[in-house]
Protein backbone atom coordinates (compact mmCIF):
# COMPACT_ATOMS: atom_id res chain seq x y z
CA MET A 1 -0.04 -0.02 -0.13
CA ILE A 2 1.43 3.02 -0.86
CA ASP A 3 0.73 5.53 2.03
CA PHE A 4 1.00 9.41 1.58
CA SER A 5 -1.00 12.27 2.64
CA ILE A 6 -2.26 15.21 0.43
CA ASP A 7 -2.73 18.79 1.83
CA GLY A 8 -6.21 19.75 2.50
CA TYR A 9 -6.53 22.43 0.39
CA LEU A 10 -4.98 20.57 -2.37
CA LYS A 11 -7.28 17.62 -1.92
CA THR A 12 -10.30 19.59 -2.25
CA ASN A 13 -9.08 20.96 -5.86
CA LEU A 14 -7.74 17.38 -6.38
CA ASP A 15 -11.24 16.04 -5.76
CA THR A 16 -12.81 18.94 -8.02
CA ALA A 17 -10.31 18.07 -10.73
CA LYS A 18 -11.69 14.10 -10.79
CA LYS A 19 -15.07 15.08 -11.24
CA VAL A 20 -15.01 17.75 -13.69
CA ILE A 21 -12.62 15.28 -16.06
CA LYS A 22 -15.56 13.08 -16.01
CA LYS A 23 -17.43 16.16 -17.67
CA ASP A 24 -15.36 15.67 -21.04
CA TRP A 25 -12.56 18.04 -19.82
CA ASP A 26 -8.89 17.30 -19.61
CA MET A 27 -6.91 18.69 -16.64
CA VAL A 28 -3.09 20.08 -17.18
CA PHE A 29 -1.17 20.75 -14.23
CA LEU A 30 2.33 22.82 -14.08
CA TYR A 31 4.73 21.77 -11.18
CA ASP A 32 8.10 24.19 -11.26
CA GLY A 33 10.66 25.01 -8.46
CA TYR A 34 14.86 24.71 -8.15
CA GLU A 35 16.35 21.58 -8.71
CA GLY A 36 16.03 19.28 -5.79
CA SER A 37 13.10 20.96 -4.68
CA GLY A 38 11.01 17.98 -4.77
CA LYS A 39 8.78 19.10 -7.97
CA SER A 40 8.79 15.48 -9.37
CA VAL A 41 8.12 13.61 -5.99
CA LYS A 42 5.15 16.23 -5.84
CA ALA A 43 3.79 15.71 -9.30
CA GLN A 44 4.17 11.85 -8.69
CA GLN A 45 2.00 12.05 -5.66
CA ASP A 46 -0.78 14.39 -7.45
CA ALA A 47 -0.90 11.98 -10.50
CA PHE A 48 -1.24 8.90 -8.07
CA TYR A 49 -3.99 10.53 -6.16
CA CYS A 50 -5.69 11.49 -9.44
CA ASP A 51 -5.43 7.94 -11.05
CA PRO A 52 -4.65 5.11 -8.69
CA SER A 53 -3.21 3.31 -11.77
CA PHE A 54 -0.38 5.39 -12.49
CA CYS A 55 2.58 4.03 -13.14
CA ILE A 56 6.41 4.37 -14.44
CA GLU A 57 5.70 3.84 -17.47
CA ARG A 58 3.53 6.71 -17.86
CA ILE A 59 6.36 9.12 -16.41
CA ALA A 60 8.53 11.05 -19.55
CA PHE A 61 11.64 12.61 -19.61
CA THR A 62 11.68 13.60 -23.53
CA PRO A 63 9.09 14.78 -26.20
CA LYS A 64 8.90 11.14 -27.81
CA GLU A 65 8.55 9.67 -24.14
CA PHE A 66 5.55 12.25 -23.79
CA ARG A 67 3.80 11.29 -27.02
CA ASP A 68 4.20 7.53 -26.25
CA ALA A 69 2.87 7.90 -23.14
CA ILE A 70 0.00 10.14 -24.21
CA GLN A 71 -1.15 7.68 -27.00
CA ILE A 72 -0.98 4.30 -24.55
CA ALA A 73 -3.18 5.97 -21.80
CA GLU A 74 -6.49 5.35 -21.38
CA PRO A 75 -9.15 8.06 -20.63
CA TYR A 76 -8.80 9.48 -17.24
CA GLN A 77 -5.39 8.13 -16.54
CA ALA A 78 -2.21 10.39 -15.62
CA VAL A 79 0.80 11.51 -17.30
CA VAL A 80 3.84 12.80 -15.50
CA TYR A 81 5.90 14.99 -18.34
CA ASP A 82 9.08 15.34 -16.29
CA GLU A 83 12.45 17.63 -16.63
CA ALA A 84 14.91 15.95 -18.41
CA TYR A 85 17.03 18.86 -18.87
CA THR A 86 19.46 21.02 -17.31
CA GLY A 87 22.27 22.90 -17.31
CA LEU A 88 23.73 25.21 -20.53
CA SER A 89 21.23 23.15 -22.81
CA SER A 90 17.98 23.81 -20.78
CA ARG A 91 16.67 26.77 -22.79
CA ALA A 92 17.14 25.21 -26.02
CA THR A 93 15.30 21.91 -24.54
CA MET A 94 12.66 23.90 -23.24
CA THR A 95 11.39 24.43 -26.87
CA ASN A 96 11.27 21.06 -27.61
CA VAL A 97 9.00 20.30 -24.62
CA ASN A 98 6.49 23.26 -25.43
CA ARG A 99 6.69 21.97 -29.23
CA ALA A 100 5.90 18.41 -27.74
CA LEU A 101 3.10 19.90 -25.50
CA VAL A 102 1.20 22.05 -28.20
CA GLN A 103 1.34 19.46 -30.48
CA MET A 104 -0.26 16.74 -28.08
CA LEU A 105 -3.04 19.01 -26.43
CA ALA A 106 -5.60 17.76 -28.94
CA GLU A 107 -5.17 14.18 -27.88
CA ILE A 108 -4.86 14.97 -24.43
CA ARG A 109 -8.32 16.82 -24.61
CA GLN A 110 -9.75 14.03 -26.39
CA LYS A 111 -9.02 11.31 -23.90
CA ASN A 112 -9.63 13.42 -20.84
CA LEU A 113 -6.25 13.17 -19.81
CA PHE A 114 -4.69 14.04 -16.54
CA VAL A 115 -1.19 15.68 -17.38
CA PHE A 116 1.13 16.88 -14.71
CA VAL A 117 3.98 19.03 -16.38
CA VAL A 118 7.63 19.67 -14.06
CA MET A 119 9.89 22.02 -15.25
CA PRO A 120 12.29 24.53 -13.70
CA THR A 121 10.20 27.58 -14.06
CA PHE A 122 6.86 27.80 -16.07
CA PHE A 123 7.99 30.98 -17.03
CA ASP A 124 9.83 29.61 -20.13
CA LEU A 125 7.05 27.77 -20.86
CA ASP A 126 4.71 28.26 -24.20
CA LYS A 127 2.61 31.00 -23.30
CA TYR A 128 -0.60 29.20 -24.39
CA VAL A 129 0.12 26.17 -22.08
CA ALA A 130 0.89 28.51 -19.40
CA LEU A 131 -1.83 30.76 -19.61
CA TRP A 132 -5.15 29.21 -20.90
CA ARG A 133 -4.58 25.59 -21.50
CA SER A 134 -3.34 24.58 -17.80
CA ARG A 135 -5.71 24.82 -14.96
CA ALA A 136 -3.16 25.32 -11.86
CA LEU A 137 0.57 26.11 -10.99
CA ILE A 138 2.03 24.49 -8.14
CA HIS A 139 5.41 25.78 -7.52
CA VAL A 140 7.55 23.90 -5.01
CA TYR A 141 10.25 25.48 -3.00
CA THR A 142 12.49 24.98 -0.04
CA LYS A 143 13.14 26.80 3.03
CA ASP A 144 16.65 26.97 4.74
CA PHE A 145 17.19 23.62 2.68
CA GLN A 146 14.29 22.27 4.21
CA ARG A 147 12.10 20.23 1.12
CA GLY A 148 8.42 20.04 1.21
CA PHE A 149 6.88 23.22 0.69
CA PHE A 150 4.55 24.25 -2.03
CA ALA A 151 2.57 27.05 -3.17
CA PHE A 152 -1.06 26.83 -5.16
CA TYR A 153 -1.93 29.30 -7.91
CA ASN A 154 -5.31 28.81 -9.49
CA ILE A 155 -5.90 29.65 -13.38
CA ASP A 156 -6.62 33.29 -12.50
CA LEU A 157 -3.74 34.01 -10.04
CA LYS A 158 -1.31 31.79 -12.44
CA LYS A 159 -2.40 34.20 -15.12
CA SER A 160 -1.58 37.37 -13.15
CA LEU A 161 1.68 35.65 -11.88
CA TYR A 162 2.99 34.60 -15.42
CA ILE A 163 2.32 38.80 -16.35
CA ASN A 164 3.75 40.33 -13.65
CA GLY A 165 6.78 37.84 -13.02
CA LYS A 166 7.73 36.92 -16.41
CA LYS A 167 10.41 39.53 -17.05
CA PHE A 168 12.58 39.11 -13.68
CA TYR A 169 11.29 35.34 -13.15
CA SER A 170 9.80 36.24 -9.97
CA TYR A 171 7.10 34.74 -7.68
CA ALA A 172 6.46 37.92 -5.82
CA LYS A 173 3.04 38.71 -6.82
CA PRO A 174 0.55 37.89 -6.70
CA ARG A 175 0.24 35.85 -3.48
CA PRO A 176 -0.78 32.14 -3.99
CA ASN A 177 -4.21 30.80 -3.22
CA PHE A 178 -2.57 28.95 -0.36
CA ILE A 179 0.57 27.45 0.58
CA GLY A 180 0.92 23.44 1.71
CA ARG A 181 3.41 20.81 2.78
CA PHE A 182 4.34 17.43 1.42
CA THR A 183 6.54 14.70 2.25
CA ASN A 184 9.26 12.73 0.08
CA HIS A 185 7.41 10.12 -0.54
CA TYR A 186 7.75 8.29 -3.67
CA VAL A 187 4.64 6.48 -5.70
CA VAL A 188 6.74 4.58 -8.17
CA ASP A 189 9.99 2.59 -7.12
CA GLU A 190 13.02 5.15 -6.60
CA LYS A 191 15.53 3.56 -7.77
CA GLU A 192 14.00 2.54 -11.11
CA TYR A 193 12.60 5.84 -11.45
CA ARG A 194 16.61 7.43 -10.82
CA ASN A 195 17.59 4.89 -13.33
CA LYS A 196 15.33 6.08 -16.27
CA LYS A 197 15.79 9.45 -15.88
CA ARG A 198 19.49 9.43 -15.49
CA ASN A 199 19.57 7.09 -18.76
CA SER A 200 17.06 9.91 -20.87
CA LEU A 201 19.97 12.28 -19.53
CA VAL A 202 22.68 10.65 -20.79
CA ASN A 203 20.85 9.83 -24.04
CA ARG A 204 20.27 13.49 -24.51
CA GLU A 205 23.84 14.63 -23.89
CA GLN A 206 25.20 11.67 -26.18
CA LYS A 207 22.75 13.41 -28.54
CA ASN A 208 24.01 17.27 -28.16
CA ILE A 209 27.64 16.08 -28.81
CA GLN A 210 26.64 14.24 -31.69
CA ALA A 211 24.71 16.94 -32.93
CA GLU A 212 27.54 19.56 -31.76
CA GLN A 213 30.28 17.35 -33.82
CA GLU A 214 27.90 17.58 -36.87
CA LYS A 215 27.62 21.38 -37.01
CA GLU A 216 31.43 21.45 -36.33
CA LEU A 217 31.65 19.51 -39.51
CA GLN A 218 29.31 21.33 -41.45
CA ASP A 219 30.68 24.85 -40.37
CA LEU A 220 34.11 23.74 -41.39
CA LEU A 221 32.86 21.94 -44.90
CA PHE A 222 31.32 25.26 -45.70
CA GLU A 223 34.02 27.43 -45.03
CA ARG A 224 36.44 25.52 -47.39
CA ILE A 225 33.71 24.84 -50.17
CA MET A 226 33.60 29.07 -49.91
CA VAL A 227 37.20 29.63 -49.75
CA LEU A 228 38.20 26.88 -52.54
CA ASP A 229 35.42 26.67 -54.79
CA GLU A 230 34.46 30.50 -55.58
CA LYS A 231 33.71 29.56 -59.50
CA HIS A 232 30.45 27.41 -58.87
CA PRO A 233 27.24 29.25 -58.29
CA HIS A 234 25.28 29.18 -55.13
CA THR A 235 23.09 26.43 -56.49
CA ILE A 236 25.72 24.21 -57.01
CA ARG A 237 27.37 25.04 -53.42
CA MET A 238 23.86 24.39 -51.96
CA GLU A 239 23.58 21.03 -53.39
CA ILE A 240 27.11 19.86 -52.49
CA LEU A 241 26.42 21.01 -49.08
CA GLY A 242 22.73 19.56 -49.03
CA LEU A 243 21.56 22.72 -47.36
CA PRO A 244 17.93 24.39 -48.08
CA GLN A 245 18.34 27.98 -49.46
CA SER A 246 17.21 29.87 -46.16
CA THR A 247 20.06 28.19 -44.41
CA TYR A 248 22.74 28.29 -46.89
CA PHE A 249 22.29 32.07 -47.38
CA TYR A 250 22.20 32.59 -43.60
CA LYS A 251 25.28 30.68 -42.99
CA LEU A 252 26.92 32.72 -46.03
CA LYS A 253 26.08 35.88 -44.33
CA GLN A 254 27.64 34.96 -41.32
CA TRP A 255 30.41 33.88 -42.76
CA LYS A 256 30.79 36.89 -44.95
CA GLU A 257 30.67 39.09 -41.53
CA LYS A 258 33.56 36.82 -40.24
CA GLN A 259 35.73 37.59 -43.24
CA ASP A 260 35.32 41.41 -42.80
CA ASN A 261 36.08 41.42 -39.11
């Protein structure tokens, strides 16, 4: 038996969501906070409360995993789209997260799913998802390095927070609807979860390294062709490089600016 408690005010809101979703709605909830604050644990707890069949197979760390989880989910089940991005590449990865969310919203709606999205800050989320398609924001935070605190913003306060706080990534105003506590209790096997997340991060980094190497090779080839193959027209150079016209002329502009400097 999985034993954990849900804060009273939050429980009331989740109970309402469990009733309303049966009236042909979906429920998208956002969870954010500093790395290590416990937001993933909190999202999983709430997912399990809304859907007792929730399992690690419906925790996704990449856009592809998220699409797959949505497609296999049955009506009224929960899917957690967990953060799998840190460091310098996090903002670029957030673009992919946003794209996957927007692409899957129709199916989420059609299946009447609970979706719990975990990220560093909701200010980087697509405006349509952040303001209009999500029901609430749960901001997870720490006090004196103690975990287990969260602030709840309903759909109206969430919009106000996004508008007031986005410029400086500030959660100062408005005040949340309520604050609450939670315990560090995993509803899935913690070791299995950590291994799945670690493998996802390793695979992502390997793909990033490969993409960076391919870009460096393409840039080197571009420079060589520009210097050694001046007699051929641009159309031939584009064909040799395998670049679309827009990319070719963008790189050509960058190359010329580099030569001038």
